[in-house]
């Protein structure tokens, strides 16, 4: 977490995979932007002088059983990348993929 926060000036949104437990997202949030809560998300906002740091926990999706995880990280990253290019919000992309 500490490394993620120190990288925020260079990478505005960092995702930390927690396996079957879900994903942590760490990002900078301008002072004047409100954060909408979602039923599957728990967030903590730490206020700074110019921007705030928002840490959100996104619960993992239910599954029937994992057969193979080969390529799962690549798929997850490609979904986030594509949705970012399309301008889809982070929370929605986490719920999609």
PDB file of N, CA and C in Angstrom:
ATOM      1  N   UNK A   1       0.830  -1.179   0.000  1.00  0.00           N
ATOM      2  CA  UNK A   1       0.000   0.000   0.000  1.00  0.00           C
ATOM      3  C   UNK A   1       0.880   1.250   0.000  1.00  0.00           C
ATOM      4  N   UNK A   2       1.918   1.247   0.811  1.00  0.00           N
ATOM      5  CA  UNK A   2       2.798   2.406   0.899  1.00  0.00           C
ATOM      6  C   UNK A   2       3.476   2.678  -0.441  1.00  0.00           C
ATOM      7  N   UNK A   3       3.901   1.633  -1.144  1.00  0.00           N
ATOM      8  CA  UNK A   3       4.510   1.819  -2.454  1.00  0.00           C
ATOM      9  C   UNK A   3       3.499   2.370  -3.439  1.00  0.00           C
ATOM     10  N   UNK A   4       2.276   1.880  -3.387  1.00  0.00           N
ATOM     11  CA  UNK A   4       1.238   2.353  -4.296  1.00  0.00           C
ATOM     12  C   UNK A   4       0.996   3.846  -4.099  1.00  0.00           C
ATOM     13  N   UNK A   5       0.917   4.278  -2.859  1.00  0.00           N
ATOM     14  CA  UNK A   5       0.676   5.702  -2.573  1.00  0.00           C
ATOM     15  C   UNK A   5       1.848   6.547  -3.054  1.00  0.00           C
ATOM     16  N   UNK A   6       3.075   6.047  -2.908  1.00  0.00           N
ATOM     17  CA  UNK A   6       4.231   6.826  -3.365  1.00  0.00           C
ATOM     18  C   UNK A   6       4.299   6.918  -4.891  1.00  0.00           C
ATOM     19  N   UNK A   7       3.655   5.998  -5.603  1.00  0.00           N
ATOM     20  CA  UNK A   7       3.650   6.030  -7.067  1.00  0.00           C
ATOM     21  C   UNK A   7       2.514   6.859  -7.655  1.00  0.00           C
ATOM     22  N   UNK A   8       1.552   7.273  -6.836  1.00  0.00           N
ATOM     23  CA  UNK A   8       0.376   7.983  -7.337  1.00  0.00           C
ATOM     24  C   UNK A   8       0.677   9.250  -8.136  1.00  0.00           C
ATOM     25  N   UNK A   9       1.701  10.042  -7.809  1.00  0.00           N
ATOM     26  CA  UNK A   9       1.968  11.212  -8.656  1.00  0.00           C
ATOM     27  C   UNK A   9       2.320  10.845 -10.101  1.00  0.00           C
ATOM     28  N   UNK A  10       2.784   9.622 -10.316  1.00  0.00           N
ATOM     29  CA  UNK A  10       3.197   9.188 -11.649  1.00  0.00           C
ATOM     30  C   UNK A  10       2.174   8.299 -12.334  1.00  0.00           C
ATOM     31  N   UNK A  11       1.448   7.524 -11.538  1.00  0.00           N
ATOM     32  CA  UNK A  11       0.408   6.624 -12.036  1.00  0.00           C
ATOM     33  C   UNK A  11      -0.847   6.923 -11.228  1.00  0.00           C
ATOM     34  N   UNK A  12      -1.822   7.643 -11.794  1.00  0.00           N
ATOM     35  CA  UNK A  12      -2.951   8.139 -10.994  1.00  0.00           C
ATOM     36  C   UNK A  12      -3.904   7.083 -10.440  1.00  0.00           C
ATOM     37  N   UNK A  13      -3.918   5.890 -11.004  1.00  0.00           N
ATOM     38  CA  UNK A  13      -4.756   4.812 -10.480  1.00  0.00           C
ATOM     39  C   UNK A  13      -3.953   3.525 -10.466  1.00  0.00           C
ATOM     40  N   UNK A  14      -3.884   2.892  -9.302  1.00  0.00           N
ATOM     41  CA  UNK A  14      -3.139   1.646  -9.166  1.00  0.00           C
ATOM     42  C   UNK A  14      -4.088   0.577  -8.649  1.00  0.00           C
ATOM     43  N   UNK A  15      -4.072  -0.577  -9.290  1.00  0.00           N
ATOM     44  CA  UNK A  15      -4.906  -1.703  -8.888  1.00  0.00           C
ATOM     45  C   UNK A  15      -4.021  -2.771  -8.263  1.00  0.00           C
ATOM     46  N   UNK A  16      -4.423  -3.270  -7.103  1.00  0.00           N
ATOM     47  CA  UNK A  16      -3.690  -4.318  -6.405  1.00  0.00           C
ATOM     48  C   UNK A  16      -4.596  -5.544  -6.352  1.00  0.00           C
ATOM     49  N   UNK A  17      -4.201  -6.598  -7.059  1.00  0.00           N
ATOM     50  CA  UNK A  17      -5.011  -7.818  -7.099  1.00  0.00           C
ATOM     51  C   UNK A  17      -4.848  -8.590  -5.800  1.00  0.00           C
ATOM     52  N   UNK A  18      -5.970  -9.066  -5.271  1.00  0.00           N
ATOM     53  CA  UNK A  18      -5.978  -9.846  -4.036  1.00  0.00           C
ATOM     54  C   UNK A  18      -6.490 -11.266  -4.282  1.00  0.00           C
ATOM     55  N   UNK A  19      -6.320 -11.750  -5.486  1.00  0.00           N
ATOM     56  CA  UNK A  19      -6.789 -13.095  -5.830  1.00  0.00           C
ATOM     57  C   UNK A  19      -8.308 -13.194  -5.749  1.00  0.00           C
ATOM     58  N   UNK A  20      -8.789 -14.257  -5.165  1.00  0.00           N
ATOM     59  CA  UNK A  20     -10.240 -14.483  -5.054  1.00  0.00           C
ATOM     60  C   UNK A  20     -10.907 -13.490  -4.111  1.00  0.00           C
ATOM     61  N   UNK A  21     -10.105 -12.762  -3.321  1.00  0.00           N
ATOM     62  CA  UNK A  21     -10.665 -11.814  -2.358  1.00  0.00           C
ATOM     63  C   UNK A  21     -11.068 -10.486  -2.989  1.00  0.00           C
ATOM     64  N   UNK A  22     -10.632 -10.206  -4.211  1.00  0.00           N
ATOM     65  CA  UNK A  22     -11.029  -8.973  -4.877  1.00  0.00           C
ATOM     66  C   UNK A  22      -9.857  -8.126  -5.320  1.00  0.00           C
ATOM     67  N   UNK A  23     -10.083  -6.816  -5.369  1.00  0.00           N
ATOM     68  CA  UNK A  23      -9.098  -5.863  -5.874  1.00  0.00           C
ATOM     69  C   UNK A  23      -9.120  -4.616  -4.999  1.00  0.00           C
ATOM     70  N   UNK A  24      -7.937  -4.062  -4.726  1.00  0.00           N
ATOM     71  CA  UNK A  24      -7.825  -2.746  -4.106  1.00  0.00           C
ATOM     72  C   UNK A  24      -7.488  -1.755  -5.200  1.00  0.00           C
ATOM     73  N   UNK A  25      -8.175  -0.625  -5.221  1.00  0.00           N
ATOM     74  CA  UNK A  25      -7.790   0.452  -6.130  1.00  0.00           C
ATOM     75  C   UNK A  25      -7.333   1.628  -5.280  1.00  0.00           C
ATOM     76  N   UNK A  26      -6.208   2.198  -5.668  1.00  0.00           N
ATOM     77  CA  UNK A  26      -5.630   3.343  -4.977  1.00  0.00           C
ATOM     78  C   UNK A  26      -5.506   4.435  -6.017  1.00  0.00           C
ATOM     79  N   UNK A  27      -6.104   5.608  -5.744  1.00  0.00           N
ATOM     80  CA  UNK A  27      -6.036   6.674  -6.744  1.00  0.00           C
ATOM     81  C   UNK A  27      -6.109   8.045  -6.121  1.00  0.00           C
ATOM     82  N   UNK A  28      -5.653   9.009  -6.910  1.00  0.00           N
ATOM     83  CA  UNK A  28      -5.759  10.406  -6.507  1.00  0.00           C
ATOM     84  C   UNK A  28      -7.128  10.917  -6.896  1.00  0.00           C
ATOM     85  N   UNK A  29      -7.712  11.717  -6.036  1.00  0.00           N
ATOM     86  CA  UNK A  29      -9.033  12.268  -6.294  1.00  0.00           C
ATOM     87  C   UNK A  29      -8.994  13.762  -6.002  1.00  0.00           C
ATOM     88  N   UNK A  30      -9.333  14.589  -6.992  1.00  0.00           N
ATOM     89  CA  UNK A  30      -9.357  16.032  -6.739  1.00  0.00           C
ATOM     90  C   UNK A  30     -10.302  16.380  -5.592  1.00  0.00           C
ATOM     91  N   UNK A  31      -9.999  17.465  -4.907  1.00  0.00           N
ATOM     92  CA  UNK A  31     -10.790  17.892  -3.736  1.00  0.00           C
ATOM     93  C   UNK A  31     -12.273  18.078  -4.057  1.00  0.00           C
ATOM     94  N   UNK A  32     -12.560  18.590  -5.249  1.00  0.00           N
ATOM     95  CA  UNK A  32     -13.945  18.939  -5.597  1.00  0.00           C
ATOM     96  C   UNK A  32     -14.739  17.778  -6.201  1.00  0.00           C
ATOM     97  N   UNK A  33     -14.187  16.580  -6.219  1.00  0.00           N
ATOM     98  CA  UNK A  33     -14.873  15.428  -6.803  1.00  0.00           C
ATOM     99  C   UNK A  33     -15.411  14.537  -5.686  1.00  0.00           C
ATOM    100  N   UNK A  34     -16.700  14.242  -5.763  1.00  0.00           N
ATOM    101  CA  UNK A  34     -17.323  13.337  -4.787  1.00  0.00           C
ATOM    102  C   UNK A  34     -17.151  11.900  -5.261  1.00  0.00           C
ATOM    103  N   UNK A  35     -17.062  10.982  -4.318  1.00  0.00           N
ATOM    104  CA  UNK A  35     -16.919   9.568  -4.660  1.00  0.00           C
ATOM    105  C   UNK A  35     -18.236   8.860  -4.366  1.00  0.00           C
ATOM    106  N   UNK A  36     -18.780   8.198  -5.387  1.00  0.00           N
ATOM    107  CA  UNK A  36     -20.036   7.464  -5.213  1.00  0.00           C
ATOM    108  C   UNK A  36     -19.741   6.067  -4.677  1.00  0.00           C
ATOM    109  N   UNK A  37     -20.439   5.674  -3.634  1.00  0.00           N
ATOM    110  CA  UNK A  37     -20.280   4.339  -3.060  1.00  0.00           C
ATOM    111  C   UNK A  37     -21.123   3.339  -3.845  1.00  0.00           C
ATOM    112  N   UNK A  38     -20.685   2.119  -3.849  1.00  0.00           N
ATOM    113  CA  UNK A  38     -21.413   1.027  -4.487  1.00  0.00           C
ATOM    114  C   UNK A  38     -21.570  -0.080  -3.455  1.00  0.00           C
ATOM    115  N   UNK A  39     -22.584  -0.897  -3.591  1.00  0.00           N
ATOM    116  CA  UNK A  39     -22.863  -1.923  -2.582  1.00  0.00           C
ATOM    117  C   UNK A  39     -21.746  -2.964  -2.455  1.00  0.00           C
ATOM    118  N   UNK A  40     -20.942  -3.176  -3.488  1.00  0.00           N
ATOM    119  CA  UNK A  40     -19.857  -4.160  -3.436  1.00  0.00           C
ATOM    120  C   UNK A  40     -18.495  -3.506  -3.199  1.00  0.00           C
ATOM    121  N   UNK A  41     -18.499  -2.234  -2.797  1.00  0.00           N
ATOM    122  CA  UNK A  41     -17.250  -1.494  -2.629  1.00  0.00           C
ATOM    123  C   UNK A  41     -17.196  -0.845  -1.252  1.00  0.00           C
ATOM    124  N   UNK A  42     -16.034  -0.872  -0.644  1.00  0.00           N
ATOM    125  CA  UNK A  42     -15.779  -0.176   0.612  1.00  0.00           C
ATOM    126  C   UNK A  42     -14.622   0.785   0.347  1.00  0.00           C
ATOM    127  N   UNK A  43     -14.786   2.059   0.684  1.00  0.00           N
ATOM    128  CA  UNK A  43     -13.760   3.045   0.347  1.00  0.00           C
ATOM    129  C   UNK A  43     -13.349   3.858   1.567  1.00  0.00           C
ATOM    130  N   UNK A  44     -12.094   4.292   1.545  1.00  0.00           N
ATOM    131  CA  UNK A  44     -11.556   5.176   2.567  1.00  0.00           C
ATOM    132  C   UNK A  44     -10.887   6.338   1.856  1.00  0.00           C
ATOM    133  N   UNK A  45     -11.245   7.553   2.250  1.00  0.00           N
ATOM    134  CA  UNK A  45     -10.684   8.754   1.625  1.00  0.00           C
ATOM    135  C   UNK A  45      -9.806   9.461   2.637  1.00  0.00           C
ATOM    136  N   UNK A  46      -8.547   9.654   2.287  1.00  0.00           N
ATOM    137  CA  UNK A  46      -7.591  10.348   3.141  1.00  0.00           C
ATOM    138  C   UNK A  46      -7.344  11.730   2.540  1.00  0.00           C
ATOM    139  N   UNK A  47      -7.669  12.768   3.293  1.00  0.00           N
ATOM    140  CA  UNK A  47      -7.599  14.123   2.756  1.00  0.00           C
ATOM    141  C   UNK A  47      -6.181  14.679   2.804  1.00  0.00           C
ATOM    142  N   UNK A  48      -5.781  15.313   1.698  1.00  0.00           N
ATOM    143  CA  UNK A  48      -4.487  15.971   1.590  1.00  0.00           C
ATOM    144  C   UNK A  48      -4.687  17.460   1.368  1.00  0.00           C
ATOM    145  N   UNK A  49      -3.595  18.181   1.166  1.00  0.00           N
ATOM    146  CA  UNK A  49      -3.674  19.622   0.953  1.00  0.00           C
ATOM    147  C   UNK A  49      -4.294  19.982  -0.397  1.00  0.00           C
ATOM    148  N   UNK A  50      -3.898  19.268  -1.453  1.00  0.00           N
ATOM    149  CA  UNK A  50      -4.349  19.614  -2.800  1.00  0.00           C
ATOM    150  C   UNK A  50      -5.234  18.545  -3.431  1.00  0.00           C
ATOM    151  N   UNK A  51      -4.930  17.296  -3.159  1.00  0.00           N
ATOM    152  CA  UNK A  51      -5.741  16.173  -3.642  1.00  0.00           C
ATOM    153  C   UNK A  51      -5.908  15.176  -2.506  1.00  0.00           C
ATOM    154  N   UNK A  52      -6.864  14.280  -2.665  1.00  0.00           N
ATOM    155  CA  UNK A  52      -7.105  13.239  -1.683  1.00  0.00           C
ATOM    156  C   UNK A  52      -6.664  11.893  -2.249  1.00  0.00           C
ATOM    157  N   UNK A  53      -6.356  10.962  -1.380  1.00  0.00           N
ATOM    158  CA  UNK A  53      -6.050   9.588  -1.786  1.00  0.00           C
ATOM    159  C   UNK A  53      -7.274   8.745  -1.457  1.00  0.00           C
ATOM    160  N   UNK A  54      -7.776   8.040  -2.447  1.00  0.00           N
ATOM    161  CA  UNK A  54      -8.940   7.186  -2.263  1.00  0.00           C
ATOM    162  C   UNK A  54      -8.505   5.729  -2.402  1.00  0.00           C
ATOM    163  N   UNK A  55      -8.737   4.943  -1.369  1.00  0.00           N
ATOM    164  CA  UNK A  55      -8.442   3.511  -1.390  1.00  0.00           C
ATOM    165  C   UNK A  55      -9.780   2.786  -1.338  1.00  0.00           C
ATOM    166  N   UNK A  56     -10.054   1.983  -2.352  1.00  0.00           N
ATOM    167  CA  UNK A  56     -11.326   1.260  -2.425  1.00  0.00           C
ATOM    168  C   UNK A  56     -11.075  -0.235  -2.492  1.00  0.00           C
ATOM    169  N   UNK A  57     -11.869  -0.982  -1.759  1.00  0.00           N
ATOM    170  CA  UNK A  57     -11.828  -2.444  -1.816  1.00  0.00           C
ATOM    171  C   UNK A  57     -13.023  -2.901  -2.618  1.00  0.00           C
ATOM    172  N   UNK A  58     -12.753  -3.673  -3.658  1.00  0.00           N
ATOM    173  CA  UNK A  58     -13.808  -4.199  -4.527  1.00  0.00           C
ATOM    174  C   UNK A  58     -13.863  -5.706  -4.328  1.00  0.00           C
ATOM    175  N   UNK A  59     -14.964  -6.177  -3.806  1.00  0.00           N
ATOM    176  CA  UNK A  59     -15.168  -7.581  -3.479  1.00  0.00           C
ATOM    177  C   UNK A  59     -15.041  -8.450  -4.725  1.00  0.00           C
ATOM    178  N   UNK A  60     -14.429  -9.613  -4.585  1.00  0.00           N
ATOM    179  CA  UNK A  60     -14.309 -10.551  -5.698  1.00  0.00           C
ATOM    180  C   UNK A  60     -15.664 -11.121  -6.089  1.00  0.00           C
ATOM    181  N   UNK A  61     -15.769 -11.566  -7.316  1.00  0.00           N
ATOM    182  CA  UNK A  61     -17.010 -12.158  -7.811  1.00  0.00           C
ATOM    183  C   UNK A  61     -17.091 -13.625  -7.403  1.00  0.00           C
ATOM    184  N   UNK A  62     -18.304 -14.112  -7.208  1.00  0.00           N
ATOM    185  CA  UNK A  62     -18.517 -15.517  -6.872  1.00  0.00           C
ATOM    186  C   UNK A  62     -18.195 -16.377  -8.093  1.00  0.00           C
ATOM    187  N   UNK A  63     -17.662 -17.559  -7.852  1.00  0.00           N
ATOM    188  CA  UNK A  63     -17.352 -18.461  -8.958  1.00  0.00           C
ATOM    189  C   UNK A  63     -17.636 -19.891  -8.540  1.00  0.00           C
ATOM    190  N   UNK A  64     -17.759 -20.750  -9.533  1.00  0.00           N
ATOM    191  CA  UNK A  64     -18.070 -22.159  -9.307  1.00  0.00           C
ATOM    192  C   UNK A  64     -16.835 -22.974  -8.978  1.00  0.00           C
ATOM    193  N   UNK A  65     -15.700 -22.480  -9.291  1.00  0.00           N
ATOM    194  CA  UNK A  65     -14.451 -23.207  -9.095  1.00  0.00           C
ATOM    195  C   UNK A  65     -13.485 -22.813 -10.198  1.00  0.00           C
ATOM    196  N   UNK A  66     -12.255 -22.665  -9.846  1.00  0.00           N
ATOM    197  CA  UNK A  66     -11.267 -22.233 -10.825  1.00  0.00           C
ATOM    198  C   UNK A  66     -10.600 -23.462 -11.415  1.00  0.00           C
ATOM    199  N   UNK A  67     -10.625 -23.546 -12.742  1.00  0.00           N
ATOM    200  CA  UNK A  67     -10.003 -24.662 -13.434  1.00  0.00           C
ATOM    201  C   UNK A  67      -8.559 -24.303 -13.765  1.00  0.00           C
ATOM    202  N   UNK A  68      -8.364 -23.088 -14.297  1.00  0.00           N
ATOM    203  CA  UNK A  68      -7.030 -22.646 -14.673  1.00  0.00           C
ATOM    204  C   UNK A  68      -6.959 -21.132 -14.544  1.00  0.00           C
ATOM    205  N   UNK A  69      -5.840 -20.630 -14.063  1.00  0.00           N
ATOM    206  CA  UNK A  69      -5.679 -19.177 -13.941  1.00  0.00           C
ATOM    207  C   UNK A  69      -4.686 -18.640 -14.965  1.00  0.00           C
ATOM    208  N   UNK A  70      -4.284 -19.486 -15.908  1.00  0.00           N
ATOM    209  CA  UNK A  70      -3.357 -19.059 -16.939  1.00  0.00           C
ATOM    210  C   UNK A  70      -3.964 -17.909 -17.733  1.00  0.00           C
ATOM    211  N   UNK A  71      -3.297 -16.784 -17.721  1.00  0.00           N
ATOM    212  CA  UNK A  71      -3.757 -15.626 -18.476  1.00  0.00           C
ATOM    213  C   UNK A  71      -4.809 -14.785 -17.780  1.00  0.00           C
ATOM    214  N   UNK A  72      -5.213 -15.127 -16.561  1.00  0.00           N
ATOM    215  CA  UNK A  72      -6.269 -14.377 -15.878  1.00  0.00           C
ATOM    216  C   UNK A  72      -5.846 -12.931 -15.616  1.00  0.00           C
ATOM    217  N   UNK A  73      -4.614 -12.720 -15.193  1.00  0.00           N
ATOM    218  CA  UNK A  73      -4.128 -11.360 -14.941  1.00  0.00           C
ATOM    219  C   UNK A  73      -4.064 -10.535 -16.204  1.00  0.00           C
ATOM    220  N   UNK A  74      -3.645 -11.159 -17.305  1.00  0.00           N
ATOM    221  CA  UNK A  74      -3.592 -10.453 -18.579  1.00  0.00           C
ATOM    222  C   UNK A  74      -4.985 -10.051 -19.034  1.00  0.00           C
ATOM    223  N   UNK A  75      -5.941 -10.942 -18.837  1.00  0.00           N
ATOM    224  CA  UNK A  75      -7.321 -10.631 -19.218  1.00  0.00           C
ATOM    225  C   UNK A  75      -7.860  -9.473 -18.389  1.00  0.00           C
ATOM    226  N   UNK A  76      -7.624  -9.533 -17.079  1.00  0.00           N
ATOM    227  CA  UNK A  76      -8.123  -8.477 -16.207  1.00  0.00           C
ATOM    228  C   UNK A  76      -7.513  -7.128 -16.593  1.00  0.00           C
ATOM    229  N   UNK A  77      -6.212  -7.113 -16.829  1.00  0.00           N
ATOM    230  CA  UNK A  77      -5.551  -5.873 -17.217  1.00  0.00           C
ATOM    231  C   UNK A  77      -6.085  -5.363 -18.553  1.00  0.00           C
ATOM    232  N   UNK A  78      -6.306  -6.258 -19.515  1.00  0.00           N
ATOM    233  CA  UNK A  78      -6.788  -5.821 -20.828  1.00  0.00           C
ATOM    234  C   UNK A  78      -8.202  -5.240 -20.733  1.00  0.00           C
ATOM    235  N   UNK A  79      -9.040  -5.781 -19.849  1.00  0.00           N
ATOM    236  CA  UNK A  79     -10.387  -5.226 -19.659  1.00  0.00           C
ATOM    237  C   UNK A  79     -10.297  -3.813 -19.075  1.00  0.00           C
ATOM    238  N   UNK A  80      -9.439  -3.617 -18.056  1.00  0.00           N
ATOM    239  CA  UNK A  80      -9.274  -2.287 -17.468  1.00  0.00           C
ATOM    240  C   UNK A  80      -8.735  -1.304 -18.494  1.00  0.00           C
ATOM    241  N   UNK A  81      -7.768  -1.738 -19.294  1.00  0.00           N
ATOM    242  CA  UNK A  81      -7.175  -0.877 -20.305  1.00  0.00           C
ATOM    243  C   UNK A  81      -8.208  -0.467 -21.351  1.00  0.00           C
ATOM    244  N   UNK A  82      -8.957  -1.436 -21.867  1.00  0.00           N
ATOM    245  CA  UNK A  82      -9.977  -1.153 -22.864  1.00  0.00           C
ATOM    246  C   UNK A  82     -11.044  -0.217 -22.319  1.00  0.00           C
ATOM    247  N   UNK A  83     -11.534  -0.472 -21.125  1.00  0.00           N
ATOM    248  CA  UNK A  83     -12.582   0.369 -20.557  1.00  0.00           C
ATOM    249  C   UNK A  83     -12.058   1.774 -20.264  1.00  0.00           C
ATOM    250  N   UNK A  84     -10.786   1.881 -19.872  1.00  0.00           N
ATOM    251  CA  UNK A  84     -10.190   3.199 -19.684  1.00  0.00           C
ATOM    252  C   UNK A  84     -10.124   3.965 -20.986  1.00  0.00           C
ATOM    253  N   UNK A  85      -9.748   3.291 -22.071  1.00  0.00           N
ATOM    254  CA  UNK A  85      -9.691   3.922 -23.391  1.00  0.00           C
ATOM    255  C   UNK A  85     -11.079   4.372 -23.821  1.00  0.00           C
ATOM    256  N   UNK A  86     -12.086   3.573 -23.501  1.00  0.00           N
ATOM    257  CA  UNK A  86     -13.472   3.916 -23.865  1.00  0.00           C
ATOM    258  C   UNK A  86     -14.094   4.953 -22.936  1.00  0.00           C
ATOM    259  N   UNK A  87     -13.367   5.318 -21.862  1.00  0.00           N
ATOM    260  CA  UNK A  87     -13.869   6.338 -20.943  1.00  0.00           C
ATOM    261  C   UNK A  87     -14.864   5.805 -19.917  1.00  0.00           C
ATOM    262  N   UNK A  88     -14.874   4.506 -19.705  1.00  0.00           N
ATOM    263  CA  UNK A  88     -15.793   3.899 -18.734  1.00  0.00           C
ATOM    264  C   UNK A  88     -15.170   4.019 -17.345  1.00  0.00           C
ATOM    265  N   UNK A  89     -15.943   4.448 -16.339  1.00  0.00           N
ATOM    266  CA  UNK A  89     -15.404   4.650 -14.980  1.00  0.00           C
ATOM    267  C   UNK A  89     -14.786   3.381 -14.397  1.00  0.00           C
ATOM    268  N   UNK A  90     -13.826   3.574 -13.489  1.00  0.00           N
ATOM    269  CA  UNK A  90     -13.089   2.472 -12.869  1.00  0.00           C
ATOM    270  C   UNK A  90     -14.014   1.465 -12.190  1.00  0.00           C
ATOM    271  N   UNK A  91     -14.960   1.949 -11.407  1.00  0.00           N
ATOM    272  CA  UNK A  91     -15.852   1.045 -10.670  1.00  0.00           C
ATOM    273  C   UNK A  91     -16.623   0.143 -11.624  1.00  0.00           C
ATOM    274  N   UNK A  92     -17.120   0.725 -12.702  1.00  0.00           N
ATOM    275  CA  UNK A  92     -17.882  -0.070 -13.671  1.00  0.00           C
ATOM    276  C   UNK A  92     -16.981  -1.117 -14.326  1.00  0.00           C
ATOM    277  N   UNK A  93     -15.741  -0.757 -14.636  1.00  0.00           N
ATOM    278  CA  UNK A  93     -14.842  -1.726 -15.261  1.00  0.00           C
ATOM    279  C   UNK A  93     -14.464  -2.837 -14.287  1.00  0.00           C
ATOM    280  N   UNK A  94     -14.361  -2.520 -12.980  1.00  0.00           N
ATOM    281  CA  UNK A  94     -14.099  -3.564 -11.990  1.00  0.00           C
ATOM    282  C   UNK A  94     -15.260  -4.540 -11.910  1.00  0.00           C
ATOM    283  N   UNK A  95     -16.474  -4.040 -12.020  1.00  0.00           N
ATOM    284  CA  UNK A  95     -17.652  -4.905 -11.948  1.00  0.00           C
ATOM    285  C   UNK A  95     -17.785  -5.764 -13.211  1.00  0.00           C
ATOM    286  N   UNK A  96     -17.276  -5.257 -14.343  1.00  0.00           N
ATOM    287  CA  UNK A  96     -17.363  -5.994 -15.603  1.00  0.00           C
ATOM    288  C   UNK A  96     -16.313  -7.083 -15.713  1.00  0.00           C
ATOM    289  N   UNK A  97     -15.157  -6.851 -15.086  1.00  0.00           N
ATOM    290  CA  UNK A  97     -14.164  -7.806 -15.425  1.00  0.00           C
ATOM    291  C   UNK A  97     -13.156  -8.205 -14.486  1.00  0.00           C
TER     292      UNK A  97
END
